[in-house]
Amino acid sequence: MRKSLKYILVLIPLVFLTGCFNNVIPKKAEMRLTITPNVIQIGVYQDMRLTLKEANGVGVNLNRLEFRTWDKWGNLWEERIPTGTELLGHWRELFGTTYLAGNSTLTKTFKLVAAEPEGKREIVMGGTDNNGYSVKAKCEYWARP
C-alpha cells in the first residue's frame, strides 16, 4: 500500500471522530408547537396558550400557517391556508413577528370560543430556516360539547 493512501485511511476516521464534519453540513431548525389546553368546550370562551419553540439553534423565517378542522367522525370539515397579506397579518397578530430566532420561544395567550363541529383541530406552522431548509411543526386540540 502506498504511503499517501495509508495517511488518507488514517485521516478519514479521525475527521469523523473529532466532529470536523459537524460544521460542513448545516443544521436544520427543529420547531415544536404546543397548545394548551388541548381539549376545549364548544361555545365557551376559554384562555388558550400557543407556544412555538426552536430547539436546534437555527432561526426560521415563518411563512406557512395552516388550520384544519375535522368532525367527530374524522371527516375534514374545513381547511384554511392563508397566503400573502392575510398570512402576514396572522403572524403579526399571533406573535408580532415573522421570525423565530434559534433556541427561542414565541408565545401567545388568547381567548377562543370553539364552534361546531365537535372534533379535532390542527394548526401547522412552518417556514424556511437560516440554512434554507423547509421546516414545520403541528399541534392538535379537540373541541367537545
N, C-alpha and C. Protein backbone atom coordinates (compact mmCIF):
# COMPACT_ATOMS: atom_id res chain seq x y z
N MET A 1 0.85 -1.17 0.00
CA MET A 1 0.00 0.00 0.00
C MET A 1 0.90 1.24 0.00
N ARG A 2 0.53 2.20 -0.82
CA ARG A 2 1.33 3.41 -0.90
C ARG A 2 1.22 4.20 0.39
N LYS A 3 2.26 4.95 0.68
CA LYS A 3 2.32 5.72 1.92
C LYS A 3 1.21 6.78 2.00
N SER A 4 0.91 7.47 0.89
CA SER A 4 -0.11 8.52 0.91
C SER A 4 -1.51 7.93 1.14
N LEU A 5 -1.77 6.75 0.63
CA LEU A 5 -3.05 6.10 0.84
C LEU A 5 -3.22 5.71 2.30
N LYS A 6 -2.13 5.29 2.96
CA LYS A 6 -2.19 4.96 4.38
C LYS A 6 -2.59 6.18 5.20
N TYR A 7 -2.02 7.33 4.87
CA TYR A 7 -2.35 8.55 5.61
C TYR A 7 -3.83 8.92 5.43
N ILE A 8 -4.33 8.76 4.21
CA ILE A 8 -5.73 9.08 3.96
C ILE A 8 -6.64 8.14 4.75
N LEU A 9 -6.30 6.85 4.78
CA LEU A 9 -7.12 5.89 5.52
C LEU A 9 -7.10 6.16 7.02
N VAL A 10 -6.03 6.74 7.52
CA VAL A 10 -5.93 7.09 8.94
C VAL A 10 -6.67 8.40 9.21
N LEU A 11 -6.60 9.35 8.29
CA LEU A 11 -7.21 10.66 8.49
C LEU A 11 -8.74 10.62 8.42
N ILE A 12 -9.30 9.80 7.56
CA ILE A 12 -10.75 9.77 7.40
C ILE A 12 -11.46 9.45 8.72
N PRO A 13 -11.09 8.38 9.43
CA PRO A 13 -11.76 8.12 10.71
C PRO A 13 -11.52 9.24 11.73
N LEU A 14 -10.34 9.86 11.71
CA LEU A 14 -10.05 10.94 12.65
C LEU A 14 -10.97 12.14 12.41
N VAL A 15 -11.22 12.45 11.16
CA VAL A 15 -12.09 13.57 10.82
C VAL A 15 -13.49 13.31 11.37
N PHE A 16 -14.00 12.12 11.18
CA PHE A 16 -15.34 11.81 11.67
C PHE A 16 -15.38 11.75 13.20
N LEU A 17 -14.38 11.18 13.83
CA LEU A 17 -14.38 11.04 15.27
C LEU A 17 -14.23 12.38 15.98
N THR A 18 -13.53 13.31 15.38
CA THR A 18 -13.34 14.62 16.02
C THR A 18 -14.48 15.58 15.73
N GLY A 19 -15.40 15.19 14.87
CA GLY A 19 -16.55 16.03 14.60
C GLY A 19 -16.28 17.14 13.62
N CYS A 20 -15.25 17.04 12.82
CA CYS A 20 -14.93 18.10 11.88
C CYS A 20 -16.02 18.31 10.84
N PHE A 21 -16.82 17.31 10.57
CA PHE A 21 -17.87 17.47 9.56
C PHE A 21 -19.12 18.12 10.14
N ASN A 22 -19.18 18.33 11.45
CA ASN A 22 -20.35 18.96 12.04
C ASN A 22 -20.58 20.36 11.48
N ASN A 23 -19.51 21.06 11.13
CA ASN A 23 -19.63 22.41 10.61
C ASN A 23 -19.82 22.43 9.10
N VAL A 24 -19.63 21.30 8.43
CA VAL A 24 -19.75 21.24 6.98
C VAL A 24 -21.22 21.09 6.57
N ILE A 25 -21.95 20.25 7.25
CA ILE A 25 -23.36 20.02 6.95
C ILE A 25 -24.19 20.93 7.84
N PRO A 26 -24.90 21.91 7.24
CA PRO A 26 -25.66 22.84 8.08
C PRO A 26 -26.79 22.15 8.83
N LYS A 27 -27.01 22.61 10.06
CA LYS A 27 -28.09 22.06 10.88
C LYS A 27 -29.44 22.54 10.36
N LYS A 28 -30.46 21.75 10.63
CA LYS A 28 -31.83 22.09 10.28
C LYS A 28 -32.55 22.54 11.54
N ALA A 29 -33.34 23.60 11.43
CA ALA A 29 -34.11 24.06 12.59
C ALA A 29 -35.05 22.95 13.05
N GLU A 30 -35.33 22.95 14.33
CA GLU A 30 -36.24 21.97 14.92
C GLU A 30 -37.33 22.73 15.67
N MET A 31 -38.50 22.82 15.04
CA MET A 31 -39.60 23.58 15.64
C MET A 31 -40.55 22.65 16.38
N ARG A 32 -41.07 23.17 17.50
CA ARG A 32 -42.07 22.44 18.28
C ARG A 32 -43.22 23.39 18.55
N LEU A 33 -44.44 22.91 18.35
CA LEU A 33 -45.63 23.73 18.54
C LEU A 33 -46.56 23.04 19.54
N THR A 34 -47.00 23.78 20.55
CA THR A 34 -47.93 23.22 21.53
C THR A 34 -49.08 24.20 21.76
N ILE A 35 -50.20 23.65 22.14
CA ILE A 35 -51.36 24.47 22.52
C ILE A 35 -51.95 23.87 23.79
N THR A 36 -52.28 24.74 24.74
CA THR A 36 -52.91 24.28 25.98
C THR A 36 -54.10 25.18 26.27
N PRO A 37 -55.18 24.63 26.75
CA PRO A 37 -55.41 23.19 26.90
C PRO A 37 -55.61 22.54 25.54
N ASN A 38 -55.56 21.23 25.51
CA ASN A 38 -55.73 20.54 24.23
C ASN A 38 -57.15 19.99 24.04
N VAL A 39 -58.02 20.27 24.99
CA VAL A 39 -59.45 19.98 24.84
C VAL A 39 -60.21 21.22 25.29
N ILE A 40 -61.11 21.72 24.41
CA ILE A 40 -61.89 22.89 24.75
C ILE A 40 -63.38 22.59 24.56
N GLN A 41 -64.20 23.38 25.26
CA GLN A 41 -65.64 23.16 25.20
C GLN A 41 -66.25 24.07 24.13
N ILE A 42 -67.09 23.50 23.29
CA ILE A 42 -67.75 24.27 22.23
C ILE A 42 -68.68 25.31 22.85
N GLY A 43 -68.60 26.55 22.34
CA GLY A 43 -69.49 27.62 22.78
C GLY A 43 -69.07 28.35 24.03
N VAL A 44 -67.91 28.03 24.61
CA VAL A 44 -67.46 28.67 25.84
C VAL A 44 -66.12 29.37 25.58
N TYR A 45 -66.02 30.66 25.92
CA TYR A 45 -64.74 31.37 25.80
C TYR A 45 -63.74 30.79 26.78
N GLN A 46 -62.56 30.48 26.27
CA GLN A 46 -61.51 29.91 27.12
C GLN A 46 -60.17 30.52 26.77
N ASP A 47 -59.29 30.62 27.77
CA ASP A 47 -57.92 31.06 27.52
C ASP A 47 -57.15 29.90 26.92
N MET A 48 -56.45 30.19 25.84
CA MET A 48 -55.60 29.19 25.20
C MET A 48 -54.20 29.77 25.08
N ARG A 49 -53.21 28.91 25.13
CA ARG A 49 -51.81 29.35 25.04
C ARG A 49 -51.14 28.58 23.91
N LEU A 50 -50.62 29.32 22.94
CA LEU A 50 -49.94 28.75 21.79
C LEU A 50 -48.45 29.04 21.94
N THR A 51 -47.62 28.01 21.85
CA THR A 51 -46.17 28.17 22.03
C THR A 51 -45.44 27.54 20.86
N LEU A 52 -44.58 28.33 20.22
CA LEU A 52 -43.74 27.87 19.12
C LEU A 52 -42.29 28.01 19.56
N LYS A 53 -41.56 26.90 19.51
CA LYS A 53 -40.19 26.88 20.02
C LYS A 53 -39.24 26.32 18.96
N GLU A 54 -38.05 26.91 18.89
CA GLU A 54 -36.99 26.37 18.04
C GLU A 54 -35.94 25.80 18.97
N ALA A 55 -35.53 24.54 18.73
CA ALA A 55 -34.70 23.82 19.69
C ALA A 55 -33.35 23.35 19.14
N ASN A 56 -32.93 23.84 17.97
CA ASN A 56 -31.67 23.36 17.41
C ASN A 56 -30.70 24.50 17.08
N GLY A 57 -31.02 25.71 17.52
CA GLY A 57 -30.10 26.83 17.35
C GLY A 57 -30.11 27.47 15.97
N VAL A 58 -31.15 27.23 15.18
CA VAL A 58 -31.23 27.78 13.82
C VAL A 58 -32.51 28.60 13.71
N GLY A 59 -32.38 29.86 13.30
CA GLY A 59 -33.55 30.72 13.14
C GLY A 59 -34.43 30.32 11.98
N VAL A 60 -35.70 30.74 12.03
CA VAL A 60 -36.68 30.38 10.99
C VAL A 60 -37.46 31.62 10.57
N ASN A 61 -37.53 31.85 9.27
CA ASN A 61 -38.43 32.86 8.70
C ASN A 61 -39.79 32.19 8.53
N LEU A 62 -40.76 32.64 9.30
CA LEU A 62 -42.08 32.00 9.34
C LEU A 62 -42.90 32.42 8.13
N ASN A 63 -43.30 31.45 7.31
CA ASN A 63 -44.04 31.77 6.09
C ASN A 63 -45.11 30.74 5.75
N ARG A 64 -45.50 29.94 6.73
CA ARG A 64 -46.51 28.91 6.50
C ARG A 64 -47.41 28.80 7.72
N LEU A 65 -48.72 28.78 7.47
CA LEU A 65 -49.69 28.67 8.54
C LEU A 65 -50.91 27.95 7.96
N GLU A 66 -51.35 26.90 8.64
CA GLU A 66 -52.48 26.10 8.16
C GLU A 66 -53.40 25.78 9.33
N PHE A 67 -54.70 25.81 9.05
CA PHE A 67 -55.71 25.45 10.05
C PHE A 67 -56.62 24.40 9.44
N ARG A 68 -56.86 23.32 10.18
CA ARG A 68 -57.77 22.27 9.70
C ARG A 68 -58.73 21.88 10.82
N THR A 69 -59.96 21.54 10.42
CA THR A 69 -60.98 21.09 11.36
C THR A 69 -61.58 19.79 10.82
N TRP A 70 -61.67 18.80 11.70
CA TRP A 70 -62.33 17.54 11.36
C TRP A 70 -63.53 17.36 12.28
N ASP A 71 -64.57 16.69 11.77
CA ASP A 71 -65.70 16.39 12.64
C ASP A 71 -65.37 15.15 13.48
N LYS A 72 -66.29 14.77 14.37
CA LYS A 72 -66.02 13.65 15.29
C LYS A 72 -65.88 12.31 14.58
N TRP A 73 -66.28 12.24 13.30
CA TRP A 73 -66.14 11.00 12.55
C TRP A 73 -64.86 10.98 11.71
N GLY A 74 -64.07 12.05 11.80
CA GLY A 74 -62.80 12.10 11.08
C GLY A 74 -62.89 12.68 9.68
N ASN A 75 -64.01 13.27 9.33
CA ASN A 75 -64.16 13.90 8.01
C ASN A 75 -63.62 15.33 8.05
N LEU A 76 -62.82 15.69 7.07
CA LEU A 76 -62.29 17.05 7.00
C LEU A 76 -63.44 18.02 6.80
N TRP A 77 -63.61 18.96 7.71
CA TRP A 77 -64.72 19.90 7.70
C TRP A 77 -64.29 21.21 7.05
N GLU A 78 -63.09 21.68 7.40
CA GLU A 78 -62.60 22.95 6.88
C GLU A 78 -61.08 22.94 6.84
N GLU A 79 -60.54 23.60 5.83
CA GLU A 79 -59.08 23.77 5.71
C GLU A 79 -58.82 25.20 5.28
N ARG A 80 -58.00 25.90 6.05
CA ARG A 80 -57.63 27.28 5.71
C ARG A 80 -56.12 27.38 5.66
N ILE A 81 -55.61 27.87 4.54
CA ILE A 81 -54.17 28.08 4.37
C ILE A 81 -53.99 29.51 3.87
N PRO A 82 -53.84 30.45 4.81
CA PRO A 82 -53.71 31.85 4.39
C PRO A 82 -52.41 32.10 3.62
N THR A 83 -52.47 33.08 2.72
CA THR A 83 -51.29 33.46 1.94
C THR A 83 -51.19 34.99 1.92
N GLY A 84 -50.09 35.48 1.42
CA GLY A 84 -49.91 36.91 1.19
C GLY A 84 -50.10 37.77 2.43
N THR A 85 -50.86 38.87 2.26
CA THR A 85 -51.03 39.81 3.37
C THR A 85 -51.87 39.20 4.50
N GLU A 86 -52.78 38.28 4.17
CA GLU A 86 -53.55 37.60 5.22
C GLU A 86 -52.61 36.79 6.11
N LEU A 87 -51.67 36.07 5.49
CA LEU A 87 -50.70 35.28 6.25
C LEU A 87 -49.84 36.18 7.12
N LEU A 88 -49.33 37.26 6.55
CA LEU A 88 -48.51 38.20 7.31
C LEU A 88 -49.28 38.77 8.49
N GLY A 89 -50.56 39.09 8.27
CA GLY A 89 -51.39 39.60 9.35
C GLY A 89 -51.57 38.61 10.48
N HIS A 90 -51.76 37.34 10.14
CA HIS A 90 -51.89 36.29 11.17
C HIS A 90 -50.61 36.21 12.01
N TRP A 91 -49.44 36.20 11.37
CA TRP A 91 -48.18 36.11 12.12
C TRP A 91 -48.01 37.30 13.04
N ARG A 92 -48.31 38.49 12.52
CA ARG A 92 -48.15 39.71 13.35
C ARG A 92 -49.13 39.71 14.50
N GLU A 93 -50.35 39.24 14.26
CA GLU A 93 -51.34 39.19 15.34
C GLU A 93 -50.96 38.15 16.38
N LEU A 94 -50.46 37.02 15.93
CA LEU A 94 -50.09 35.95 16.87
C LEU A 94 -48.88 36.31 17.71
N PHE A 95 -47.78 36.62 17.04
CA PHE A 95 -46.51 36.78 17.75
C PHE A 95 -45.84 38.14 17.56
N GLY A 96 -46.39 38.99 16.69
CA GLY A 96 -45.78 40.29 16.46
C GLY A 96 -44.54 40.24 15.58
N THR A 97 -44.26 39.08 14.98
CA THR A 97 -43.07 38.91 14.17
C THR A 97 -43.27 37.76 13.19
N THR A 98 -42.42 37.72 12.17
CA THR A 98 -42.42 36.59 11.24
C THR A 98 -41.09 35.84 11.32
N TYR A 99 -40.34 36.04 12.44
CA TYR A 99 -39.05 35.39 12.59
C TYR A 99 -38.97 34.73 13.96
N LEU A 100 -38.57 33.47 13.97
CA LEU A 100 -38.32 32.71 15.20
C LEU A 100 -36.82 32.50 15.31
N ALA A 101 -36.19 33.16 16.26
CA ALA A 101 -34.74 33.03 16.43
C ALA A 101 -34.38 31.64 16.93
N GLY A 102 -33.14 31.22 16.65
CA GLY A 102 -32.66 29.93 17.13
C GLY A 102 -32.70 29.85 18.65
N ASN A 103 -33.07 28.70 19.18
CA ASN A 103 -33.16 28.45 20.62
C ASN A 103 -34.05 29.46 21.33
N SER A 104 -35.13 29.86 20.70
CA SER A 104 -36.03 30.82 21.33
C SER A 104 -37.47 30.32 21.26
N THR A 105 -38.36 31.06 21.92
CA THR A 105 -39.76 30.69 22.02
C THR A 105 -40.65 31.89 21.77
N LEU A 106 -41.70 31.68 21.00
CA LEU A 106 -42.75 32.67 20.82
C LEU A 106 -44.01 32.13 21.48
N THR A 107 -44.69 32.96 22.26
CA THR A 107 -45.88 32.51 22.98
C THR A 107 -46.99 33.54 22.85
N LYS A 108 -48.21 33.05 22.73
CA LYS A 108 -49.38 33.93 22.68
C LYS A 108 -50.50 33.28 23.48
N THR A 109 -51.09 34.05 24.38
CA THR A 109 -52.28 33.62 25.11
C THR A 109 -53.45 34.43 24.58
N PHE A 110 -54.54 33.75 24.29
CA PHE A 110 -55.68 34.43 23.70
C PHE A 110 -56.97 33.74 24.12
N LYS A 111 -58.09 34.44 23.95
CA LYS A 111 -59.41 33.87 24.23
C LYS A 111 -59.93 33.25 22.95
N LEU A 112 -60.52 32.07 23.07
CA LEU A 112 -61.06 31.36 21.92
C LEU A 112 -62.39 30.75 22.30
N VAL A 113 -63.34 30.84 21.39
CA VAL A 113 -64.59 30.12 21.55
C VAL A 113 -64.68 29.17 20.36
N ALA A 114 -64.75 27.90 20.66
CA ALA A 114 -64.83 26.89 19.60
C ALA A 114 -66.25 26.77 19.10
N ALA A 115 -66.39 26.67 17.80
CA ALA A 115 -67.70 26.47 17.18
C ALA A 115 -67.82 25.02 16.75
N GLU A 116 -69.00 24.66 16.30
CA GLU A 116 -69.20 23.32 15.75
C GLU A 116 -68.25 23.13 14.57
N PRO A 117 -67.87 21.96 14.22
CA PRO A 117 -68.35 20.69 14.75
C PRO A 117 -67.48 20.19 15.89
N GLU A 118 -68.02 19.24 16.62
CA GLU A 118 -67.21 18.52 17.60
C GLU A 118 -66.15 17.75 16.82
N GLY A 119 -64.90 17.77 17.30
CA GLY A 119 -63.86 17.02 16.62
C GLY A 119 -62.48 17.62 16.81
N LYS A 120 -61.57 17.18 15.97
CA LYS A 120 -60.16 17.55 16.07
C LYS A 120 -59.88 18.83 15.29
N ARG A 121 -58.98 19.65 15.85
CA ARG A 121 -58.46 20.84 15.18
C ARG A 121 -56.95 20.67 15.07
N GLU A 122 -56.39 21.18 13.98
CA GLU A 122 -54.93 21.08 13.77
C GLU A 122 -54.41 22.43 13.32
N ILE A 123 -53.27 22.81 13.88
CA ILE A 123 -52.56 24.02 13.47
C ILE A 123 -51.18 23.59 13.00
N VAL A 124 -50.77 24.06 11.83
CA VAL A 124 -49.43 23.80 11.31
C VAL A 124 -48.74 25.14 11.11
N MET A 125 -47.53 25.25 11.62
CA MET A 125 -46.71 26.45 11.42
C MET A 125 -45.39 26.03 10.81
N GLY A 126 -44.89 26.83 9.91
CA GLY A 126 -43.63 26.46 9.28
C GLY A 126 -42.96 27.65 8.63
N GLY A 127 -41.83 27.35 8.01
CA GLY A 127 -41.07 28.39 7.34
C GLY A 127 -39.79 27.84 6.76
N THR A 128 -38.90 28.75 6.44
CA THR A 128 -37.59 28.41 5.88
C THR A 128 -36.54 28.81 6.90
N ASP A 129 -35.71 27.84 7.30
CA ASP A 129 -34.71 28.18 8.30
C ASP A 129 -33.53 28.92 7.67
N ASN A 130 -32.62 29.40 8.52
CA ASN A 130 -31.49 30.20 8.06
C ASN A 130 -30.53 29.42 7.16
N ASN A 131 -30.65 28.10 7.13
CA ASN A 131 -29.81 27.27 6.27
C ASN A 131 -30.55 26.81 5.01
N GLY A 132 -31.76 27.34 4.80
CA GLY A 132 -32.50 27.05 3.58
C GLY A 132 -33.42 25.84 3.64
N TYR A 133 -33.50 25.18 4.78
CA TYR A 133 -34.38 24.02 4.91
C TYR A 133 -35.82 24.47 5.17
N SER A 134 -36.77 23.74 4.62
CA SER A 134 -38.18 23.95 4.91
C SER A 134 -38.51 23.15 6.17
N VAL A 135 -39.07 23.81 7.17
CA VAL A 135 -39.38 23.15 8.44
C VAL A 135 -40.81 23.47 8.84
N LYS A 136 -41.41 22.56 9.62
CA LYS A 136 -42.76 22.81 10.11
C LYS A 136 -42.98 22.06 11.42
N ALA A 137 -44.01 22.51 12.12
CA ALA A 137 -44.42 21.85 13.36
C ALA A 137 -45.95 21.91 13.40
N LYS A 138 -46.55 20.92 14.03
CA LYS A 138 -48.01 20.94 14.15
C LYS A 138 -48.45 20.54 15.54
N CYS A 139 -49.66 20.98 15.88
CA CYS A 139 -50.28 20.58 17.14
C CYS A 139 -51.76 20.35 16.90
N GLU A 140 -52.36 19.61 17.79
CA GLU A 140 -53.78 19.29 17.69
C GLU A 140 -54.47 19.64 18.99
N TYR A 141 -55.73 19.99 18.88
CA TYR A 141 -56.58 20.12 20.05
C TYR A 141 -57.98 19.65 19.65
N TRP A 142 -58.82 19.44 20.65
CA TRP A 142 -60.14 18.86 20.42
C TRP A 142 -61.22 19.79 20.92
N ALA A 143 -62.31 19.87 20.18
CA ALA A 143 -63.49 20.63 20.60
C ALA A 143 -64.58 19.62 20.98
N ARG A 144 -65.09 19.78 22.18
CA ARG A 144 -66.10 18.85 22.72
C ARG A 144 -67.32 19.65 23.19
N PRO A 145 -68.50 19.01 23.19
CA PRO A 145 -69.71 19.71 23.69
C PRO A 145 -69.64 19.92 25.19
